[in-house]
Amino acid sequence: MRMLEALKRQAPASTAELALTLRMTPEAARQQINRLAEQALVQAHAQKPAGAGRPRQLWTLTAAGQRYFPDAHAQLTVQLIGSIEKLFGQQGMDSLIGEREAQLRARYQHSCTAPGLVQRLEQLARARTEEGYMAHVEAHGQDWLLIEDHCPICAAASACRGFCRSEQALFQEVLAGLATLERGEYLLEAGQRCVYLVRPLQGAGA
C-alpha cells in the first residue's frame, strides 16, 4: 500500500525514485513493483532518453490500482446526479454546483487570507488536503504548481464536469490580484493527477 500511495503522489516514477521515496533498497523496490505489476495494479511506460541510452522505465497506477483510493459512495453519487439532471434539467445541476461552490467559497475566504501568493497557495493546498485531495504546492521556474494527487469526487466530476470548472473558477477567485491560474494535467483526461499552473501577476507580492 505504501508503494501504491507513493505512485499516487509521484507517478510516473522509476523504480529508483520509488526506492528513494520509500527508503528501500533498489532490489526491494523492484520486487515490490513487480508483484504489483503481476496483480495488474501498476503498469510500465518506456520514456525515451534525451540523448543516447536505453529507454527509462516509468510506473503508473492502472485503473485497478486507482480503485485503492476510492470515491466515497461513488455509485450513489452518480445516480443522484443523474436523477437531479432528469428531474430538474440543467438548471437543477447548475443550482447544485452553485450551492457547492458557495460553500467552498465561504470556507476558502475564511482559511486563505495570507497577503502573499505562496502562503495563500499553501493555505489553499491545506484546505484541499483536508477535503481529501492530497494537495501540495511546488515551484515551477518563476511560476508555481498546485498539485492534487487524488480526487475524492472523481465519480461526480466524471458524470458532470461542471464541478471541475466551478473549482477552477473558485481557485482563481482565491488568487485574485496575485496570480492567474490555468489547468495543466487533468485526471479526467488520462492524467495521473490534476495540476494547475499558477503564474504570479507582475508586481504582486510573493
N, C-alpha and C. Protein backbone atom coordinates (compact mmCIF):
# COMPACT_ATOMS: atom_id res chain seq x y z
N MET A 1 0.83 -1.20 0.00
CA MET A 1 0.00 0.00 0.00
C MET A 1 0.87 1.25 0.00
N ARG A 2 2.00 1.20 0.67
CA ARG A 2 2.91 2.36 0.67
C ARG A 2 3.43 2.62 -0.74
N MET A 3 3.69 1.56 -1.49
CA MET A 3 4.15 1.71 -2.87
C MET A 3 3.06 2.32 -3.73
N LEU A 4 1.82 1.87 -3.55
CA LEU A 4 0.70 2.45 -4.30
C LEU A 4 0.51 3.92 -3.95
N GLU A 5 0.63 4.26 -2.66
CA GLU A 5 0.49 5.65 -2.24
C GLU A 5 1.59 6.52 -2.83
N ALA A 6 2.82 5.97 -2.88
CA ALA A 6 3.93 6.72 -3.47
C ALA A 6 3.68 6.98 -4.95
N LEU A 7 3.16 5.97 -5.65
CA LEU A 7 2.86 6.15 -7.07
C LEU A 7 1.71 7.12 -7.28
N LYS A 8 0.76 7.10 -6.36
CA LYS A 8 -0.36 8.03 -6.46
C LYS A 8 0.15 9.47 -6.43
N ARG A 9 1.17 9.71 -5.63
CA ARG A 9 1.72 11.05 -5.49
C ARG A 9 2.75 11.38 -6.58
N GLN A 10 3.53 10.40 -7.04
CA GLN A 10 4.69 10.68 -7.87
C GLN A 10 4.56 10.27 -9.33
N ALA A 11 3.63 9.39 -9.66
CA ALA A 11 3.58 8.82 -11.00
C ALA A 11 3.55 9.89 -12.09
N PRO A 12 4.26 9.63 -13.20
CA PRO A 12 5.08 8.46 -13.46
C PRO A 12 6.41 8.52 -12.71
N ALA A 13 6.85 7.38 -12.18
CA ALA A 13 8.08 7.34 -11.39
C ALA A 13 8.85 6.06 -11.70
N SER A 14 10.17 6.15 -11.62
CA SER A 14 11.01 4.98 -11.84
C SER A 14 11.11 4.17 -10.56
N THR A 15 11.60 2.95 -10.69
CA THR A 15 11.80 2.10 -9.51
C THR A 15 12.80 2.74 -8.56
N ALA A 16 13.84 3.37 -9.11
CA ALA A 16 14.85 4.02 -8.27
C ALA A 16 14.24 5.18 -7.49
N GLU A 17 13.38 5.96 -8.13
CA GLU A 17 12.74 7.09 -7.44
C GLU A 17 11.82 6.59 -6.33
N LEU A 18 11.10 5.50 -6.58
CA LEU A 18 10.22 4.93 -5.56
C LEU A 18 11.03 4.39 -4.39
N ALA A 19 12.16 3.76 -4.71
CA ALA A 19 13.03 3.24 -3.65
C ALA A 19 13.52 4.37 -2.76
N LEU A 20 13.89 5.49 -3.36
CA LEU A 20 14.37 6.63 -2.59
C LEU A 20 13.26 7.21 -1.73
N THR A 21 12.07 7.33 -2.29
CA THR A 21 10.93 7.88 -1.54
C THR A 21 10.58 7.01 -0.34
N LEU A 22 10.59 5.70 -0.55
CA LEU A 22 10.17 4.76 0.50
C LEU A 22 11.33 4.28 1.37
N ARG A 23 12.53 4.79 1.08
CA ARG A 23 13.73 4.41 1.84
C ARG A 23 13.93 2.90 1.83
N MET A 24 13.86 2.36 0.63
CA MET A 24 14.06 0.94 0.41
C MET A 24 15.30 0.75 -0.47
N THR A 25 15.83 -0.45 -0.49
CA THR A 25 16.90 -0.75 -1.43
C THR A 25 16.29 -0.86 -2.82
N PRO A 26 17.05 -0.58 -3.87
CA PRO A 26 16.52 -0.72 -5.23
C PRO A 26 15.99 -2.12 -5.51
N GLU A 27 16.66 -3.14 -4.97
CA GLU A 27 16.21 -4.51 -5.19
C GLU A 27 14.86 -4.77 -4.52
N ALA A 28 14.68 -4.27 -3.29
CA ALA A 28 13.41 -4.45 -2.58
C ALA A 28 12.28 -3.72 -3.32
N ALA A 29 12.59 -2.51 -3.82
CA ALA A 29 11.58 -1.76 -4.57
C ALA A 29 11.22 -2.48 -5.85
N ARG A 30 12.21 -3.07 -6.52
CA ARG A 30 11.96 -3.80 -7.76
C ARG A 30 11.06 -5.02 -7.50
N GLN A 31 11.30 -5.71 -6.40
CA GLN A 31 10.47 -6.85 -6.06
C GLN A 31 9.04 -6.42 -5.79
N GLN A 32 8.88 -5.32 -5.05
CA GLN A 32 7.54 -4.82 -4.73
C GLN A 32 6.79 -4.41 -6.00
N ILE A 33 7.45 -3.66 -6.87
CA ILE A 33 6.79 -3.16 -8.06
C ILE A 33 6.44 -4.30 -9.00
N ASN A 34 7.29 -5.32 -9.07
CA ASN A 34 6.99 -6.48 -9.92
C ASN A 34 5.77 -7.24 -9.40
N ARG A 35 5.64 -7.35 -8.08
CA ARG A 35 4.48 -8.03 -7.52
C ARG A 35 3.20 -7.24 -7.84
N LEU A 36 3.29 -5.90 -7.73
CA LEU A 36 2.12 -5.08 -8.07
C LEU A 36 1.78 -5.19 -9.55
N ALA A 37 2.80 -5.29 -10.40
CA ALA A 37 2.58 -5.45 -11.84
C ALA A 37 1.90 -6.78 -12.14
N GLU A 38 2.31 -7.84 -11.41
CA GLU A 38 1.69 -9.16 -11.60
C GLU A 38 0.21 -9.13 -11.22
N GLN A 39 -0.16 -8.25 -10.29
CA GLN A 39 -1.56 -8.11 -9.87
C GLN A 39 -2.30 -7.08 -10.72
N ALA A 40 -1.63 -6.57 -11.75
CA ALA A 40 -2.22 -5.57 -12.66
C ALA A 40 -2.62 -4.29 -11.94
N LEU A 41 -1.89 -3.93 -10.87
CA LEU A 41 -2.17 -2.70 -10.14
C LEU A 41 -1.31 -1.54 -10.64
N VAL A 42 -0.20 -1.86 -11.31
CA VAL A 42 0.67 -0.83 -11.88
C VAL A 42 1.05 -1.25 -13.29
N GLN A 43 1.49 -0.28 -14.08
CA GLN A 43 1.91 -0.56 -15.46
C GLN A 43 3.15 0.25 -15.79
N ALA A 44 3.96 -0.28 -16.67
CA ALA A 44 5.22 0.37 -17.04
C ALA A 44 5.07 1.11 -18.36
N HIS A 45 5.79 2.24 -18.46
CA HIS A 45 5.84 3.02 -19.69
C HIS A 45 7.31 3.31 -19.99
N ALA A 46 7.67 3.18 -21.24
CA ALA A 46 9.06 3.46 -21.63
C ALA A 46 9.19 4.93 -22.00
N GLN A 47 10.18 5.60 -21.39
CA GLN A 47 10.46 7.01 -21.69
C GLN A 47 11.78 7.08 -22.45
N LYS A 48 11.73 7.60 -23.66
CA LYS A 48 12.93 7.69 -24.47
C LYS A 48 13.89 8.72 -23.87
N PRO A 49 15.19 8.41 -23.80
CA PRO A 49 16.15 9.37 -23.25
C PRO A 49 16.35 10.55 -24.18
N ALA A 50 16.79 11.66 -23.63
CA ALA A 50 17.04 12.85 -24.44
C ALA A 50 18.16 12.61 -25.44
N GLY A 51 19.18 11.84 -25.02
CA GLY A 51 20.29 11.53 -25.90
C GLY A 51 20.37 10.04 -26.16
N ALA A 52 21.58 9.54 -26.21
CA ALA A 52 21.78 8.11 -26.39
C ALA A 52 21.51 7.38 -25.08
N GLY A 53 21.22 6.12 -25.19
CA GLY A 53 20.98 5.31 -24.00
C GLY A 53 19.69 4.54 -24.08
N ARG A 54 19.51 3.67 -23.11
CA ARG A 54 18.33 2.84 -23.09
C ARG A 54 17.11 3.63 -22.61
N PRO A 55 15.91 3.25 -23.07
CA PRO A 55 14.69 3.91 -22.57
C PRO A 55 14.56 3.72 -21.06
N ARG A 56 13.99 4.71 -20.41
CA ARG A 56 13.78 4.67 -18.96
C ARG A 56 12.39 4.14 -18.67
N GLN A 57 12.30 3.18 -17.74
CA GLN A 57 11.01 2.59 -17.40
C GLN A 57 10.35 3.34 -16.26
N LEU A 58 9.16 3.86 -16.53
CA LEU A 58 8.42 4.61 -15.53
C LEU A 58 7.12 3.87 -15.22
N TRP A 59 6.67 4.00 -13.96
CA TRP A 59 5.50 3.27 -13.50
C TRP A 59 4.35 4.21 -13.19
N THR A 60 3.13 3.76 -13.50
CA THR A 60 1.92 4.47 -13.12
C THR A 60 0.90 3.47 -12.59
N LEU A 61 -0.14 3.96 -11.95
CA LEU A 61 -1.21 3.09 -11.47
C LEU A 61 -2.14 2.73 -12.62
N THR A 62 -2.64 1.50 -12.59
CA THR A 62 -3.70 1.11 -13.52
C THR A 62 -5.05 1.52 -12.94
N ALA A 63 -6.11 1.27 -13.69
CA ALA A 63 -7.45 1.56 -13.16
C ALA A 63 -7.71 0.74 -11.91
N ALA A 64 -7.20 -0.51 -11.89
CA ALA A 64 -7.36 -1.35 -10.70
C ALA A 64 -6.60 -0.77 -9.52
N GLY A 65 -5.42 -0.22 -9.78
CA GLY A 65 -4.65 0.42 -8.71
C GLY A 65 -5.32 1.67 -8.19
N GLN A 66 -5.95 2.43 -9.10
CA GLN A 66 -6.65 3.64 -8.69
C GLN A 66 -7.80 3.33 -7.74
N ARG A 67 -8.37 2.13 -7.85
CA ARG A 67 -9.51 1.77 -7.01
C ARG A 67 -9.13 1.58 -5.55
N TYR A 68 -7.84 1.57 -5.24
CA TYR A 68 -7.41 1.54 -3.84
C TYR A 68 -7.59 2.91 -3.19
N PHE A 69 -7.95 3.92 -4.00
CA PHE A 69 -8.22 5.26 -3.50
C PHE A 69 -9.62 5.63 -3.95
N PRO A 70 -10.63 4.97 -3.39
CA PRO A 70 -11.99 5.09 -3.94
C PRO A 70 -12.69 6.38 -3.56
N ASP A 71 -13.66 6.75 -4.39
CA ASP A 71 -14.60 7.81 -4.02
C ASP A 71 -15.56 7.24 -2.99
N ALA A 72 -15.91 8.03 -1.99
CA ALA A 72 -16.90 7.59 -1.03
C ALA A 72 -18.28 7.60 -1.69
N HIS A 73 -18.94 6.47 -1.64
CA HIS A 73 -20.30 6.36 -2.16
C HIS A 73 -20.38 6.83 -3.62
N ALA A 74 -19.39 6.42 -4.41
CA ALA A 74 -19.30 6.93 -5.78
C ALA A 74 -20.52 6.55 -6.61
N GLN A 75 -20.95 5.31 -6.51
CA GLN A 75 -22.08 4.88 -7.33
C GLN A 75 -23.35 5.66 -6.98
N LEU A 76 -23.58 5.84 -5.68
CA LEU A 76 -24.76 6.59 -5.26
C LEU A 76 -24.68 8.03 -5.76
N THR A 77 -23.50 8.62 -5.69
CA THR A 77 -23.33 9.99 -6.15
C THR A 77 -23.70 10.14 -7.62
N VAL A 78 -23.21 9.23 -8.44
CA VAL A 78 -23.51 9.28 -9.88
C VAL A 78 -25.01 9.11 -10.12
N GLN A 79 -25.63 8.21 -9.36
CA GLN A 79 -27.07 8.01 -9.51
C GLN A 79 -27.85 9.26 -9.13
N LEU A 80 -27.43 9.90 -8.04
CA LEU A 80 -28.12 11.12 -7.61
C LEU A 80 -27.97 12.25 -8.63
N ILE A 81 -26.78 12.37 -9.21
CA ILE A 81 -26.56 13.40 -10.22
C ILE A 81 -27.46 13.15 -11.42
N GLY A 82 -27.53 11.87 -11.84
CA GLY A 82 -28.40 11.54 -12.95
C GLY A 82 -29.86 11.85 -12.65
N SER A 83 -30.28 11.59 -11.41
CA SER A 83 -31.67 11.85 -11.03
C SER A 83 -31.96 13.34 -11.01
N ILE A 84 -31.03 14.13 -10.48
CA ILE A 84 -31.22 15.59 -10.44
C ILE A 84 -31.34 16.15 -11.85
N GLU A 85 -30.46 15.68 -12.74
CA GLU A 85 -30.50 16.18 -14.12
C GLU A 85 -31.80 15.77 -14.81
N LYS A 86 -32.27 14.55 -14.53
CA LYS A 86 -33.51 14.07 -15.15
C LYS A 86 -34.72 14.85 -14.63
N LEU A 87 -34.75 15.09 -13.32
CA LEU A 87 -35.91 15.74 -12.72
C LEU A 87 -35.93 17.25 -12.91
N PHE A 88 -34.76 17.86 -12.82
CA PHE A 88 -34.71 19.33 -12.80
C PHE A 88 -33.94 19.94 -13.97
N GLY A 89 -33.37 19.09 -14.83
CA GLY A 89 -32.68 19.59 -16.01
C GLY A 89 -31.36 20.29 -15.68
N GLN A 90 -30.83 21.00 -16.67
CA GLN A 90 -29.54 21.67 -16.49
C GLN A 90 -29.62 22.74 -15.42
N GLN A 91 -30.77 23.38 -15.28
CA GLN A 91 -30.93 24.41 -14.25
C GLN A 91 -30.74 23.81 -12.86
N GLY A 92 -31.26 22.61 -12.66
CA GLY A 92 -31.08 21.94 -11.38
C GLY A 92 -29.63 21.61 -11.12
N MET A 93 -28.91 21.14 -12.16
CA MET A 93 -27.50 20.85 -12.00
C MET A 93 -26.70 22.11 -11.69
N ASP A 94 -27.04 23.19 -12.40
CA ASP A 94 -26.34 24.46 -12.16
C ASP A 94 -26.56 24.94 -10.72
N SER A 95 -27.77 24.73 -10.21
CA SER A 95 -28.07 25.12 -8.83
C SER A 95 -27.27 24.29 -7.85
N LEU A 96 -27.16 22.99 -8.12
CA LEU A 96 -26.38 22.10 -7.26
C LEU A 96 -24.91 22.51 -7.23
N ILE A 97 -24.35 22.74 -8.40
CA ILE A 97 -22.94 23.15 -8.49
C ILE A 97 -22.74 24.50 -7.83
N GLY A 98 -23.69 25.41 -8.03
CA GLY A 98 -23.59 26.73 -7.43
C GLY A 98 -23.63 26.68 -5.92
N GLU A 99 -24.46 25.81 -5.36
CA GLU A 99 -24.55 25.68 -3.91
C GLU A 99 -23.24 25.14 -3.34
N ARG A 100 -22.67 24.14 -3.99
CA ARG A 100 -21.37 23.59 -3.53
C ARG A 100 -20.29 24.66 -3.62
N GLU A 101 -20.29 25.42 -4.72
CA GLU A 101 -19.29 26.47 -4.91
C GLU A 101 -19.40 27.52 -3.80
N ALA A 102 -20.63 27.88 -3.44
CA ALA A 102 -20.83 28.87 -2.38
C ALA A 102 -20.29 28.38 -1.05
N GLN A 103 -20.49 27.11 -0.75
CA GLN A 103 -19.97 26.55 0.50
C GLN A 103 -18.45 26.55 0.52
N LEU A 104 -17.83 26.15 -0.62
CA LEU A 104 -16.37 26.15 -0.70
C LEU A 104 -15.82 27.57 -0.64
N ARG A 105 -16.51 28.51 -1.29
CA ARG A 105 -16.06 29.91 -1.28
C ARG A 105 -16.00 30.44 0.15
N ALA A 106 -17.03 30.15 0.92
CA ALA A 106 -17.05 30.61 2.31
C ALA A 106 -15.90 30.00 3.10
N ARG A 107 -15.62 28.74 2.84
CA ARG A 107 -14.53 28.05 3.54
C ARG A 107 -13.19 28.66 3.18
N TYR A 108 -12.96 28.88 1.88
CA TYR A 108 -11.66 29.40 1.45
C TYR A 108 -11.48 30.87 1.84
N GLN A 109 -12.55 31.64 1.84
CA GLN A 109 -12.45 33.03 2.28
C GLN A 109 -12.02 33.12 3.73
N HIS A 110 -12.38 32.12 4.49
CA HIS A 110 -12.00 32.09 5.91
C HIS A 110 -10.58 31.58 6.10
N SER A 111 -10.16 30.61 5.30
CA SER A 111 -8.87 29.94 5.56
C SER A 111 -7.74 30.42 4.66
N CYS A 112 -8.01 31.08 3.55
CA CYS A 112 -6.97 31.51 2.61
C CYS A 112 -6.88 33.03 2.61
N THR A 113 -6.22 33.57 3.60
CA THR A 113 -6.21 35.02 3.80
C THR A 113 -4.81 35.63 3.76
N ALA A 114 -3.77 34.83 3.53
CA ALA A 114 -2.40 35.35 3.54
C ALA A 114 -2.24 36.41 2.45
N PRO A 115 -1.45 37.46 2.70
CA PRO A 115 -1.29 38.52 1.71
C PRO A 115 -0.42 38.12 0.53
N GLY A 116 0.51 37.16 0.76
CA GLY A 116 1.43 36.75 -0.30
C GLY A 116 0.93 35.54 -1.06
N LEU A 117 1.38 35.41 -2.32
CA LEU A 117 0.91 34.34 -3.19
C LEU A 117 1.26 32.95 -2.65
N VAL A 118 2.52 32.74 -2.31
CA VAL A 118 2.95 31.40 -1.90
C VAL A 118 2.22 30.96 -0.65
N GLN A 119 2.14 31.84 0.33
CA GLN A 119 1.44 31.49 1.57
C GLN A 119 -0.04 31.20 1.31
N ARG A 120 -0.65 31.97 0.41
CA ARG A 120 -2.07 31.73 0.14
C ARG A 120 -2.26 30.41 -0.61
N LEU A 121 -1.35 30.14 -1.53
CA LEU A 121 -1.40 28.85 -2.22
C LEU A 121 -1.28 27.69 -1.24
N GLU A 122 -0.35 27.81 -0.29
CA GLU A 122 -0.17 26.75 0.70
C GLU A 122 -1.41 26.61 1.58
N GLN A 123 -2.06 27.71 1.90
CA GLN A 123 -3.31 27.65 2.67
C GLN A 123 -4.39 26.92 1.86
N LEU A 124 -4.46 27.22 0.57
CA LEU A 124 -5.43 26.56 -0.28
C LEU A 124 -5.14 25.07 -0.37
N ALA A 125 -3.86 24.71 -0.52
CA ALA A 125 -3.48 23.30 -0.59
C ALA A 125 -3.85 22.57 0.70
N ARG A 126 -3.65 23.22 1.85
CA ARG A 126 -4.01 22.59 3.13
C ARG A 126 -5.52 22.37 3.21
N ALA A 127 -6.28 23.37 2.76
CA ALA A 127 -7.73 23.23 2.79
C ALA A 127 -8.18 22.09 1.88
N ARG A 128 -7.57 22.00 0.71
CA ARG A 128 -7.93 20.94 -0.23
C ARG A 128 -7.52 19.56 0.30
N THR A 129 -6.38 19.49 0.97
CA THR A 129 -5.94 18.22 1.56
C THR A 129 -6.93 17.77 2.62
N GLU A 130 -7.40 18.70 3.41
CA GLU A 130 -8.40 18.35 4.43
C GLU A 130 -9.68 17.81 3.80
N GLU A 131 -9.93 18.19 2.55
CA GLU A 131 -11.11 17.71 1.83
C GLU A 131 -10.83 16.40 1.10
N GLY A 132 -9.58 15.91 1.17
CA GLY A 132 -9.25 14.62 0.58
C GLY A 132 -8.52 14.66 -0.74
N TYR A 133 -8.04 15.83 -1.16
CA TYR A 133 -7.43 15.96 -2.48
C TYR A 133 -5.91 15.70 -2.51
N MET A 134 -5.28 15.46 -1.36
CA MET A 134 -3.84 15.21 -1.30
C MET A 134 -3.09 16.30 -2.08
N ALA A 135 -3.34 17.55 -1.72
CA ALA A 135 -2.82 18.69 -2.48
C ALA A 135 -1.50 19.20 -1.91
N HIS A 136 -0.66 19.74 -2.78
CA HIS A 136 0.58 20.39 -2.34
C HIS A 136 1.01 21.39 -3.41
N VAL A 137 1.98 22.22 -3.05
CA VAL A 137 2.47 23.28 -3.92
C VAL A 137 3.92 23.02 -4.26
N GLU A 138 4.29 23.23 -5.52
CA GLU A 138 5.67 23.08 -5.96
C GLU A 138 6.08 24.28 -6.80
N ALA A 139 7.35 24.67 -6.68
CA ALA A 139 7.89 25.73 -7.54
C ALA A 139 8.05 25.18 -8.95
N HIS A 140 7.87 26.06 -9.95
CA HIS A 140 8.00 25.67 -11.36
C HIS A 140 8.63 26.84 -12.10
N GLY A 141 9.95 26.93 -12.00
CA GLY A 141 10.63 28.08 -12.56
C GLY A 141 10.19 29.34 -11.82
N GLN A 142 9.70 30.34 -12.55
CA GLN A 142 9.20 31.56 -11.93
C GLN A 142 7.73 31.42 -11.50
N ASP A 143 7.13 30.28 -11.85
CA ASP A 143 5.72 30.05 -11.55
C ASP A 143 5.58 29.01 -10.45
N TRP A 144 4.34 28.61 -10.19
CA TRP A 144 4.05 27.63 -9.16
C TRP A 144 3.04 26.61 -9.67
N LEU A 145 3.06 25.44 -9.08
CA LEU A 145 2.11 24.40 -9.41
C LEU A 145 1.28 24.07 -8.18
N LEU A 146 -0.02 24.02 -8.35
CA LEU A 146 -0.93 23.48 -7.34
C LEU A 146 -1.29 22.08 -7.81
N ILE A 147 -0.86 21.07 -7.06
CA ILE A 147 -0.99 19.68 -7.48
C ILE A 147 -1.94 18.95 -6.55
N GLU A 148 -2.91 18.24 -7.14
CA GLU A 148 -3.84 17.42 -6.38
C GLU A 148 -3.66 15.98 -6.83
N ASP A 149 -3.12 15.14 -5.93
CA ASP A 149 -2.80 13.76 -6.29
C ASP A 149 -4.00 12.83 -6.23
N HIS A 150 -5.08 13.27 -5.64
CA HIS A 150 -6.27 12.42 -5.55
C HIS A 150 -7.51 13.30 -5.72
N CYS A 151 -8.58 12.70 -6.26
CA CYS A 151 -9.85 13.43 -6.41
C CYS A 151 -10.95 12.63 -5.73
N PRO A 152 -11.37 13.05 -4.55
CA PRO A 152 -12.41 12.30 -3.84
C PRO A 152 -13.80 12.43 -4.47
N ILE A 153 -13.97 13.34 -5.43
CA ILE A 153 -15.25 13.46 -6.11
C ILE A 153 -15.13 13.06 -7.58
N CYS A 154 -14.19 12.17 -7.88
CA CYS A 154 -13.90 11.82 -9.28
C CYS A 154 -15.14 11.28 -9.98
N ALA A 155 -15.92 10.43 -9.30
CA ALA A 155 -17.12 9.87 -9.92
C ALA A 155 -18.11 10.98 -10.28
N ALA A 156 -18.31 11.92 -9.35
CA ALA A 156 -19.22 13.02 -9.61
C ALA A 156 -18.70 13.91 -10.74
N ALA A 157 -17.39 14.18 -10.73
CA ALA A 157 -16.80 15.02 -11.76
C ALA A 157 -16.87 14.36 -13.13
N SER A 158 -16.74 13.02 -13.17
CA SER A 158 -16.85 12.30 -14.43
C SER A 158 -18.26 12.40 -14.99
N ALA A 159 -19.24 12.39 -14.10
CA ALA A 159 -20.65 12.49 -14.53
C ALA A 159 -21.01 13.91 -14.91
N CYS A 160 -20.33 14.89 -14.31
CA CYS A 160 -20.65 16.30 -14.59
C CYS A 160 -19.39 17.13 -14.38
N ARG A 161 -18.77 17.54 -15.46
CA ARG A 161 -17.52 18.28 -15.36
C ARG A 161 -17.71 19.72 -14.89
N GLY A 162 -18.96 20.08 -14.70
CA GLY A 162 -19.22 21.40 -14.15
C GLY A 162 -18.60 21.58 -12.78
N PHE A 163 -18.45 20.49 -12.03
CA PHE A 163 -17.80 20.58 -10.73
C PHE A 163 -16.35 21.03 -10.89
N CYS A 164 -15.67 20.50 -11.89
CA CYS A 164 -14.27 20.86 -12.12
C CYS A 164 -14.15 22.32 -12.56
N ARG A 165 -15.02 22.73 -13.46
CA ARG A 165 -14.98 24.13 -13.93
C ARG A 165 -15.26 25.08 -12.77
N SER A 166 -16.17 24.69 -11.90
CA SER A 166 -16.50 25.52 -10.75
C SER A 166 -15.30 25.66 -9.82
N GLU A 167 -14.62 24.54 -9.56
CA GLU A 167 -13.46 24.58 -8.67
C GLU A 167 -12.35 25.46 -9.25
N GLN A 168 -12.10 25.33 -10.56
CA GLN A 168 -11.05 26.13 -11.17
C GLN A 168 -11.36 27.62 -11.07
N ALA A 169 -12.62 27.99 -11.32
CA ALA A 169 -13.01 29.39 -11.20
C ALA A 169 -12.87 29.88 -9.76
N LEU A 170 -13.16 29.00 -8.82
CA LEU A 170 -13.05 29.37 -7.41
C LEU A 170 -11.59 29.57 -7.01
N PHE A 171 -10.71 28.71 -7.50
CA PHE A 171 -9.28 28.88 -7.21
C PHE A 171 -8.79 30.23 -7.72
N GLN A 172 -9.27 30.63 -8.91
CA GLN A 172 -8.87 31.92 -9.46
C GLN A 172 -9.36 33.05 -8.58
N GLU A 173 -10.53 32.90 -8.00
CA GLU A 173 -11.04 33.90 -7.06
C GLU A 173 -10.11 34.02 -5.85
N VAL A 174 -9.69 32.87 -5.33
CA VAL A 174 -8.81 32.85 -4.16
C VAL A 174 -7.50 33.59 -4.45
N LEU A 175 -7.02 33.49 -5.69
CA LEU A 175 -5.73 34.08 -6.06
C LEU A 175 -5.89 35.43 -6.75
N ALA A 176 -7.08 36.00 -6.74
CA ALA A 176 -7.35 37.27 -7.42
C ALA A 176 -6.38 38.35 -6.96
N GLY A 177 -5.80 39.05 -7.93
CA GLY A 177 -4.86 40.12 -7.62
C GLY A 177 -3.44 39.64 -7.39
N LEU A 178 -3.25 38.32 -7.31
CA LEU A 178 -1.92 37.77 -7.05
C LEU A 178 -1.38 36.95 -8.22
N ALA A 179 -2.27 36.22 -8.91
CA ALA A 179 -1.80 35.31 -9.95
C ALA A 179 -2.95 34.91 -10.87
N THR A 180 -2.58 34.39 -12.04
CA THR A 180 -3.55 33.73 -12.91
C THR A 180 -3.35 32.23 -12.76
N LEU A 181 -4.40 31.48 -13.07
CA LEU A 181 -4.34 30.03 -12.87
C LEU A 181 -4.95 29.34 -14.08
N GLU A 182 -4.28 28.30 -14.55
CA GLU A 182 -4.81 27.50 -15.66
C GLU A 182 -4.54 26.02 -15.40
N ARG A 183 -5.42 25.17 -15.89
CA ARG A 183 -5.27 23.74 -15.67
C ARG A 183 -4.23 23.17 -16.63
N GLY A 184 -3.38 22.30 -16.11
CA GLY A 184 -2.43 21.58 -16.94
C GLY A 184 -2.88 20.13 -17.04
N GLU A 185 -2.22 19.26 -16.30
CA GLU A 185 -2.61 17.84 -16.29
C GLU A 185 -3.99 17.69 -15.65
N TYR A 186 -4.78 16.76 -16.22
CA TYR A 186 -6.19 16.62 -15.80
C TYR A 186 -6.51 15.16 -15.63
N LEU A 187 -6.93 14.78 -14.44
CA LEU A 187 -7.21 13.38 -14.12
C LEU A 187 -8.26 12.78 -15.05
N LEU A 188 -9.24 13.57 -15.46
CA LEU A 188 -10.31 13.05 -16.31
C LEU A 188 -9.93 13.00 -17.78
N GLU A 189 -8.72 13.42 -18.11
CA GLU A 189 -8.24 13.34 -19.49
C GLU A 189 -6.91 12.60 -19.53
N ALA A 190 -6.91 11.42 -18.89
CA ALA A 190 -5.78 10.48 -18.90
C ALA A 190 -4.59 10.96 -18.08
N GLY A 191 -4.77 11.99 -17.27
CA GLY A 191 -3.69 12.41 -16.38
C GLY A 191 -3.60 11.53 -15.14
N GLN A 192 -2.49 11.61 -14.45
CA GLN A 192 -2.31 10.87 -13.21
C GLN A 192 -2.80 11.67 -12.00
N ARG A 193 -3.04 12.96 -12.23
CA ARG A 193 -3.45 13.87 -11.16
C ARG A 193 -4.01 15.13 -11.80
N CYS A 194 -4.48 16.08 -11.00
CA CYS A 194 -4.87 17.38 -11.53
C CYS A 194 -3.80 18.40 -11.12
N VAL A 195 -3.31 19.14 -12.09
CA VAL A 195 -2.23 20.11 -11.85
C VAL A 195 -2.66 21.46 -12.42
N TYR A 196 -2.48 22.50 -11.62
CA TYR A 196 -2.82 23.86 -12.04
C TYR A 196 -1.53 24.69 -12.09
N LEU A 197 -1.31 25.38 -13.20
CA LEU A 197 -0.17 26.27 -13.35
C LEU A 197 -0.57 27.65 -12.84
N VAL A 198 0.19 28.15 -11.88
CA VAL A 198 -0.10 29.43 -11.25
C VAL A 198 0.99 30.42 -11.65
N ARG A 199 0.60 31.48 -12.37
CA ARG A 199 1.56 32.48 -12.84
C ARG A 199 1.37 33.77 -12.03
N PRO A 200 2.39 34.20 -11.27
CA PRO A 200 2.27 35.43 -10.48
C PRO A 200 2.04 36.65 -11.39
N LEU A 201 1.19 37.55 -10.95
CA LEU A 201 0.99 38.80 -11.66
C LEU A 201 2.16 39.73 -11.40
N GLN A 202 2.51 40.51 -12.39
CA GLN A 202 3.63 41.44 -12.24
C GLN A 202 3.31 42.42 -11.12
N GLY A 203 4.25 42.53 -10.18
CA GLY A 203 4.09 43.46 -9.06
C GLY A 203 3.36 42.86 -7.87
N ALA A 204 2.84 41.64 -8.03
CA ALA A 204 2.17 41.01 -6.89
C ALA A 204 3.19 40.51 -5.90
N GLY A 205 2.88 40.59 -4.63
CA GLY A 205 3.80 40.13 -3.59
C GLY A 205 3.92 38.63 -3.58
N ALA A 206 5.13 38.14 -3.24
CA ALA A 206 5.35 36.69 -3.18
C ALA A 206 4.75 36.11 -1.92
